[in-house]
């Protein structure tokens, strides 16, 4: 009798404990999805390199030796279209990643699969969440919205020199932001390719902060020259909310800290930003995870570009200005729909 009473008491205690709701489970899965993405981009390459170097001095030395031989053999693959894995792009974890913010893709015009495209992605933000989610994962339905169009995203060439990290990047459709890599996709890979380039790059991330919309674009004309050489149409896109994901300590122009950041960016290709987001245990604590803020990426109207093998500076300037005007129109037509006021302006440096 005593044993039965003890069991019954234990069951009552267990049933009294509140079980996590479906909403709690979804929130936890979304947080874990974002956590694995942030850790992958910040640590996977460095940790893999350290582990392989360590293994060289153990009885497992053959593993890094064989992988090094593979990298040498496979060195040029990132600049020849990479190795996309559709199953990884459709990974369920990306749906949880999308819903954490949430991220949304908005189509304004059709893209014909008979052409190739260079999509200018703005702004850079800290970690390019909008560009990654929309152009690399299948979670927001890019290929359903634009039938026959395959999206790619460029990133720093140095990332493809890191072991394992290079395989991870290529599997999703990322490739180096180099003339050779972009030229291959626009000339050797048929049509229906959309190459997304975060044009502002690392320099733009230094000015990233909530409530400020400043783009580094006036002197960034290489993407226009590439479009002319290959006859690829130019498409502006803007991710509203990208700059709201982190808080950054922004150092004023001319300060010694800003000077150090800029020199580091020129040498290494990326800028050492001093930023923070939310913590892992609470949205009110500080950590390295992005805040849950909605991101809406609007893809604008394609700008038809002729194919000119050796475009003149004047021709590049003309299409560069046309692109800027198209981007400004896209921003102004949509800013009040996605969190900005009528008085907010897009500053282009």
Foldseek 3Di string as FASTA:
>chain_A
DVVVVVVVVVVVVVVPDDDDDPVRVLLLLLLVLLVVVVCLVPPVLVVQVVVLVVCCPDPNVVVSVVLVVVCVVCVCQLLQQFAEALCVLADPSLLSPCVLLPEEEAEDDEDDQQFEAEEAEDDCAQPNSNCCSQQQHCNRPPCVRHPNAHGAEEDAQVQCVGPPSVNVRRHRRYGHPDLSSVLNCLPVVGTRYYYYYNQQFQVSNLVQAPPDAEGAQPPRLPVLQSCQQRQHWYKYKYKPPSSQFKHWDHDDPPDPVVVVQVVCCVVPVHGDTHIWAADSPDNPHIHHGTHNHYIYMYIFDTHGHHHDNGDDPVVSVVVSVVNVVRNQCVCQVCVVVRPHDNPDHHHYD
